[in-house]
């Protein structure tokens, strides 16, 4: 039996970004961290992250 973990992160824009910049660059930072966990064998991404209401949700196994 596999354990599925959901990580819910509030969709809060990054403060003090230049005009026109992507307001949620931290999503890519979290995705990079999760890729590192996969490469170490510590976790596996179950699915791509997605927005759900006021949160961005990442899935790990």
PDB file of N, CA and C in Angstrom:
ATOM      1  N   UNK A   1       0.839  -1.168   0.000  1.00  0.00           N
ATOM      2  CA  UNK A   1       0.000   0.000   0.000  1.00  0.00           C
ATOM      3  C   UNK A   1       0.892   1.242   0.000  1.00  0.00           C
ATOM      4  N   UNK A   2       0.622   2.144  -0.921  1.00  0.00           N
ATOM      5  CA  UNK A   2       1.403   3.373  -1.014  1.00  0.00           C
ATOM      6  C   UNK A   2       0.727   4.489  -0.232  1.00  0.00           C
ATOM      7  N   UNK A   3       1.528   5.330   0.343  1.00  0.00           N
ATOM      8  CA  UNK A   3       1.038   6.496   1.071  1.00  0.00           C
ATOM      9  C   UNK A   3       1.093   7.689   0.133  1.00  0.00           C
ATOM     10  N   UNK A   4      -0.036   8.382  -0.012  1.00  0.00           N
ATOM     11  CA  UNK A   4      -0.089   9.576  -0.839  1.00  0.00           C
ATOM     12  C   UNK A   4      -0.155  10.785   0.078  1.00  0.00           C
ATOM     13  N   UNK A   5       0.744  11.737  -0.146  1.00  0.00           N
ATOM     14  CA  UNK A   5       0.807  12.949   0.671  1.00  0.00           C
ATOM     15  C   UNK A   5       0.501  14.148  -0.221  1.00  0.00           C
ATOM     16  N   UNK A   6      -0.403  14.989   0.260  1.00  0.00           N
ATOM     17  CA  UNK A   6      -0.695  16.238  -0.437  1.00  0.00           C
ATOM     18  C   UNK A   6      -0.045  17.374   0.341  1.00  0.00           C
ATOM     19  N   UNK A   7       0.652  18.235  -0.363  1.00  0.00           N
ATOM     20  CA  UNK A   7       1.257  19.412   0.250  1.00  0.00           C
ATOM     21  C   UNK A   7       0.504  20.626  -0.290  1.00  0.00           C
ATOM     22  N   UNK A   8      -0.202  21.320   0.586  1.00  0.00           N
ATOM     23  CA  UNK A   8      -0.997  22.491   0.197  1.00  0.00           C
ATOM     24  C   UNK A   8      -0.223  23.754   0.570  1.00  0.00           C
ATOM     25  N   UNK A   9       0.059  24.576  -0.420  1.00  0.00           N
ATOM     26  CA  UNK A   9       0.806  25.813  -0.210  1.00  0.00           C
ATOM     27  C   UNK A   9      -0.083  26.983  -0.642  1.00  0.00           C
ATOM     28  N   UNK A  10      -0.289  27.973   0.231  1.00  0.00           N
ATOM     29  CA  UNK A  10      -1.132  29.111  -0.150  1.00  0.00           C
ATOM     30  C   UNK A  10      -0.612  29.799  -1.407  1.00  0.00           C
ATOM     31  N   UNK A  11      -1.525  30.162  -2.292  1.00  0.00           N
ATOM     32  CA  UNK A  11      -1.162  30.875  -3.523  1.00  0.00           C
ATOM     33  C   UNK A  11      -0.972  32.352  -3.211  1.00  0.00           C
ATOM     34  N   UNK A  12       0.111  32.645  -2.522  1.00  0.00           N
ATOM     35  CA  UNK A  12       0.431  34.013  -2.134  1.00  0.00           C
ATOM     36  C   UNK A  12       1.475  34.570  -3.093  1.00  0.00           C
ATOM     37  N   UNK A  13       1.166  35.665  -3.770  1.00  0.00           N
ATOM     38  CA  UNK A  13       2.159  36.247  -4.682  1.00  0.00           C
ATOM     39  C   UNK A  13       3.426  36.670  -3.941  1.00  0.00           C
ATOM     40  N   UNK A  14       4.548  36.549  -4.607  1.00  0.00           N
ATOM     41  CA  UNK A  14       5.824  36.980  -4.044  1.00  0.00           C
ATOM     42  C   UNK A  14       5.847  38.509  -3.995  1.00  0.00           C
ATOM     43  N   UNK A  15       6.148  39.079  -2.832  1.00  0.00           N
ATOM     44  CA  UNK A  15       6.157  40.547  -2.726  1.00  0.00           C
ATOM     45  C   UNK A  15       7.343  41.172  -3.458  1.00  0.00           C
ATOM     46  N   UNK A  16       7.177  42.425  -3.820  1.00  0.00           N
ATOM     47  CA  UNK A  16       8.232  43.273  -4.391  1.00  0.00           C
ATOM     48  C   UNK A  16       8.810  42.762  -5.710  1.00  0.00           C
ATOM     49  N   UNK A  17       7.989  42.116  -6.527  1.00  0.00           N
ATOM     50  CA  UNK A  17       8.467  41.687  -7.841  1.00  0.00           C
ATOM     51  C   UNK A  17       8.379  42.857  -8.814  1.00  0.00           C
ATOM     52  N   UNK A  18       9.237  42.864  -9.821  1.00  0.00           N
ATOM     53  CA  UNK A  18       9.143  43.920 -10.834  1.00  0.00           C
ATOM     54  C   UNK A  18       7.824  43.790 -11.611  1.00  0.00           C
ATOM     55  N   UNK A  19       7.333  44.891 -12.140  1.00  0.00           N
ATOM     56  CA  UNK A  19       6.089  44.839 -12.920  1.00  0.00           C
ATOM     57  C   UNK A  19       6.189  43.835 -14.074  1.00  0.00           C
ATOM     58  N   UNK A  20       5.142  43.056 -14.245  1.00  0.00           N
ATOM     59  CA  UNK A  20       5.098  42.077 -15.331  1.00  0.00           C
ATOM     60  C   UNK A  20       5.743  40.747 -15.004  1.00  0.00           C
ATOM     61  N   UNK A  21       6.378  40.617 -13.842  1.00  0.00           N
ATOM     62  CA  UNK A  21       7.026  39.363 -13.460  1.00  0.00           C
ATOM     63  C   UNK A  21       5.973  38.341 -13.026  1.00  0.00           C
ATOM     64  N   UNK A  22       6.276  37.070 -13.203  1.00  0.00           N
ATOM     65  CA  UNK A  22       5.389  35.991 -12.779  1.00  0.00           C
ATOM     66  C   UNK A  22       5.242  36.064 -11.263  1.00  0.00           C
ATOM     67  N   UNK A  23       4.014  36.148 -10.734  1.00  0.00           N
ATOM     68  CA  UNK A  23       3.818  36.392  -9.304  1.00  0.00           C
ATOM     69  C   UNK A  23       4.061  35.187  -8.399  1.00  0.00           C
ATOM     70  N   UNK A  24       4.239  33.991  -8.962  1.00  0.00           N
ATOM     71  CA  UNK A  24       4.394  32.790  -8.136  1.00  0.00           C
ATOM     72  C   UNK A  24       5.655  32.001  -8.494  1.00  0.00           C
ATOM     73  N   UNK A  25       6.830  32.635  -8.501  1.00  0.00           N
ATOM     74  CA  UNK A  25       8.050  31.912  -8.895  1.00  0.00           C
ATOM     75  C   UNK A  25       8.432  30.807  -7.909  1.00  0.00           C
ATOM     76  N   UNK A  26       7.912  30.860  -6.713  1.00  0.00           N
ATOM     77  CA  UNK A  26       8.228  29.850  -5.699  1.00  0.00           C
ATOM     78  C   UNK A  26       7.713  28.470  -6.091  1.00  0.00           C
ATOM     79  N   UNK A  27       6.707  28.395  -6.982  1.00  0.00           N
ATOM     80  CA  UNK A  27       6.204  27.090  -7.417  1.00  0.00           C
ATOM     81  C   UNK A  27       7.331  26.295  -8.074  1.00  0.00           C
ATOM     82  N   UNK A  28       8.116  26.947  -8.925  1.00  0.00           N
ATOM     83  CA  UNK A  28       9.231  26.261  -9.575  1.00  0.00           C
ATOM     84  C   UNK A  28      10.292  25.841  -8.564  1.00  0.00           C
ATOM     85  N   UNK A  29      10.507  26.639  -7.534  1.00  0.00           N
ATOM     86  CA  UNK A  29      11.484  26.279  -6.498  1.00  0.00           C
ATOM     87  C   UNK A  29      11.025  25.026  -5.753  1.00  0.00           C
ATOM     88  N   UNK A  30       9.761  24.941  -5.428  1.00  0.00           N
ATOM     89  CA  UNK A  30       9.234  23.747  -4.745  1.00  0.00           C
ATOM     90  C   UNK A  30       9.343  22.545  -5.668  1.00  0.00           C
ATOM     91  N   UNK A  31       8.997  22.709  -6.942  1.00  0.00           N
ATOM     92  CA  UNK A  31       9.100  21.602  -7.892  1.00  0.00           C
ATOM     93  C   UNK A  31      10.543  21.115  -8.017  1.00  0.00           C
ATOM     94  N   UNK A  32      11.494  22.027  -8.046  1.00  0.00           N
ATOM     95  CA  UNK A  32      12.911  21.638  -8.099  1.00  0.00           C
ATOM     96  C   UNK A  32      13.307  20.847  -6.857  1.00  0.00           C
ATOM     97  N   UNK A  33      12.826  21.274  -5.699  1.00  0.00           N
ATOM     98  CA  UNK A  33      13.116  20.558  -4.452  1.00  0.00           C
ATOM     99  C   UNK A  33      12.530  19.149  -4.499  1.00  0.00           C
ATOM    100  N   UNK A  34      11.321  19.009  -5.019  1.00  0.00           N
ATOM    101  CA  UNK A  34      10.688  17.694  -5.108  1.00  0.00           C
ATOM    102  C   UNK A  34      11.424  16.789  -6.091  1.00  0.00           C
ATOM    103  N   UNK A  35      11.951  17.354  -7.168  1.00  0.00           N
ATOM    104  CA  UNK A  35      12.758  16.573  -8.110  1.00  0.00           C
ATOM    105  C   UNK A  35      14.006  16.054  -7.404  1.00  0.00           C
ATOM    106  N   UNK A  36      14.626  16.896  -6.574  1.00  0.00           N
ATOM    107  CA  UNK A  36      15.801  16.456  -5.808  1.00  0.00           C
ATOM    108  C   UNK A  36      15.441  15.297  -4.883  1.00  0.00           C
ATOM    109  N   UNK A  37      14.275  15.366  -4.239  1.00  0.00           N
ATOM    110  CA  UNK A  37      13.835  14.262  -3.376  1.00  0.00           C
ATOM    111  C   UNK A  37      13.667  12.975  -4.183  1.00  0.00           C
ATOM    112  N   UNK A  38      13.120  13.098  -5.382  1.00  0.00           N
ATOM    113  CA  UNK A  38      12.958  11.924  -6.242  1.00  0.00           C
ATOM    114  C   UNK A  38      14.303  11.316  -6.612  1.00  0.00           C
ATOM    115  N   UNK A  39      15.249  12.178  -6.975  1.00  0.00           N
ATOM    116  CA  UNK A  39      16.571  11.691  -7.367  1.00  0.00           C
ATOM    117  C   UNK A  39      17.288  10.998  -6.217  1.00  0.00           C
ATOM    118  N   UNK A  40      17.026  11.438  -4.986  1.00  0.00           N
ATOM    119  CA  UNK A  40      17.612  10.810  -3.800  1.00  0.00           C
ATOM    120  C   UNK A  40      16.878   9.536  -3.405  1.00  0.00           C
ATOM    121  N   UNK A  41      15.695   9.312  -3.994  1.00  0.00           N
ATOM    122  CA  UNK A  41      14.907   8.134  -3.647  1.00  0.00           C
ATOM    123  C   UNK A  41      14.082   8.322  -2.392  1.00  0.00           C
ATOM    124  N   UNK A  42      13.977   9.551  -1.889  1.00  0.00           N
ATOM    125  CA  UNK A  42      13.258   9.816  -0.647  1.00  0.00           C
ATOM    126  C   UNK A  42      11.748   9.920  -0.859  1.00  0.00           C
ATOM    127  N   UNK A  43      11.338  10.284  -2.063  1.00  0.00           N
ATOM    128  CA  UNK A  43       9.912  10.438  -2.372  1.00  0.00           C
ATOM    129  C   UNK A  43       9.740  10.359  -3.877  1.00  0.00           C
ATOM    130  N   UNK A  44       8.499  10.234  -4.295  1.00  0.00           N
ATOM    131  CA  UNK A  44       8.188  10.185  -5.715  1.00  0.00           C
ATOM    132  C   UNK A  44       6.991  11.091  -5.975  1.00  0.00           C
ATOM    133  N   UNK A  45       7.080  11.904  -7.003  1.00  0.00           N
ATOM    134  CA  UNK A  45       5.941  12.741  -7.365  1.00  0.00           C
ATOM    135  C   UNK A  45       4.853  11.841  -7.931  1.00  0.00           C
ATOM    136  N   UNK A  46       3.644  12.030  -7.446  1.00  0.00           N
ATOM    137  CA  UNK A  46       2.521  11.220  -7.909  1.00  0.00           C
ATOM    138  C   UNK A  46       1.896  11.835  -9.149  1.00  0.00           C
ATOM    139  N   UNK A  47       1.832  13.143  -9.179  1.00  0.00           N
ATOM    140  CA  UNK A  47       1.173  13.858 -10.264  1.00  0.00           C
ATOM    141  C   UNK A  47       1.745  15.268 -10.299  1.00  0.00           C
ATOM    142  N   UNK A  48       1.436  15.989 -11.350  1.00  0.00           N
ATOM    143  CA  UNK A  48       1.863  17.385 -11.401  1.00  0.00           C
ATOM    144  C   UNK A  48       1.066  18.188 -10.386  1.00  0.00           C
ATOM    145  N   UNK A  49       1.667  19.233  -9.859  1.00  0.00           N
ATOM    146  CA  UNK A  49       0.955  20.099  -8.941  1.00  0.00           C
ATOM    147  C   UNK A  49      -0.169  20.823  -9.654  1.00  0.00           C
ATOM    148  N   UNK A  50      -1.139  21.281  -8.877  1.00  0.00           N
ATOM    149  CA  UNK A  50      -2.285  21.972  -9.452  1.00  0.00           C
ATOM    150  C   UNK A  50      -2.834  22.982  -8.466  1.00  0.00           C
ATOM    151  N   UNK A  51      -3.494  23.999  -8.982  1.00  0.00           N
ATOM    152  CA  UNK A  51      -4.123  24.952  -8.070  1.00  0.00           C
ATOM    153  C   UNK A  51      -5.473  24.399  -7.645  1.00  0.00           C
ATOM    154  N   UNK A  52      -5.811  24.621  -6.393  1.00  0.00           N
ATOM    155  CA  UNK A  52      -7.066  24.159  -5.816  1.00  0.00           C
ATOM    156  C   UNK A  52      -7.545  25.254  -4.882  1.00  0.00           C
ATOM    157  N   UNK A  53      -8.481  26.044  -5.339  1.00  0.00           N
ATOM    158  CA  UNK A  53      -8.940  27.184  -4.538  1.00  0.00           C
ATOM    159  C   UNK A  53      -7.810  28.169  -4.336  1.00  0.00           C
ATOM    160  N   UNK A  54      -7.530  28.486  -3.082  1.00  0.00           N
ATOM    161  CA  UNK A  54      -6.485  29.452  -2.740  1.00  0.00           C
ATOM    162  C   UNK A  54      -5.136  28.786  -2.478  1.00  0.00           C
ATOM    163  N   UNK A  55      -4.970  27.519  -2.926  1.00  0.00           N
ATOM    164  CA  UNK A  55      -3.747  26.769  -2.657  1.00  0.00           C
ATOM    165  C   UNK A  55      -3.187  26.152  -3.933  1.00  0.00           C
ATOM    166  N   UNK A  56      -1.888  25.882  -3.905  1.00  0.00           N
ATOM    167  CA  UNK A  56      -1.252  25.067  -4.922  1.00  0.00           C
ATOM    168  C   UNK A  56      -0.930  23.753  -4.236  1.00  0.00           C
ATOM    169  N   UNK A  57      -1.322  22.643  -4.854  1.00  0.00           N
ATOM    170  CA  UNK A  57      -1.187  21.331  -4.219  1.00  0.00           C
ATOM    171  C   UNK A  57      -0.166  20.498  -4.981  1.00  0.00           C
ATOM    172  N   UNK A  58       0.782  19.946  -4.224  1.00  0.00           N
ATOM    173  CA  UNK A  58       1.776  19.014  -4.748  1.00  0.00           C
ATOM    174  C   UNK A  58       1.440  17.624  -4.195  1.00  0.00           C
ATOM    175  N   UNK A  59       1.688  16.586  -4.989  1.00  0.00           N
ATOM    176  CA  UNK A  59       1.379  15.214  -4.584  1.00  0.00           C
ATOM    177  C   UNK A  59       2.649  14.383  -4.547  1.00  0.00           C
ATOM    178  N   UNK A  60       2.877  13.689  -3.437  1.00  0.00           N
ATOM    179  CA  UNK A  60       4.046  12.822  -3.277  1.00  0.00           C
ATOM    180  C   UNK A  60       3.622  11.439  -2.830  1.00  0.00           C
ATOM    181  N   UNK A  61       4.428  10.465  -3.217  1.00  0.00           N
ATOM    182  CA  UNK A  61       4.250   9.091  -2.737  1.00  0.00           C
ATOM    183  C   UNK A  61       5.517   8.654  -2.069  1.00  0.00           C
TER     184      UNK A  61
END
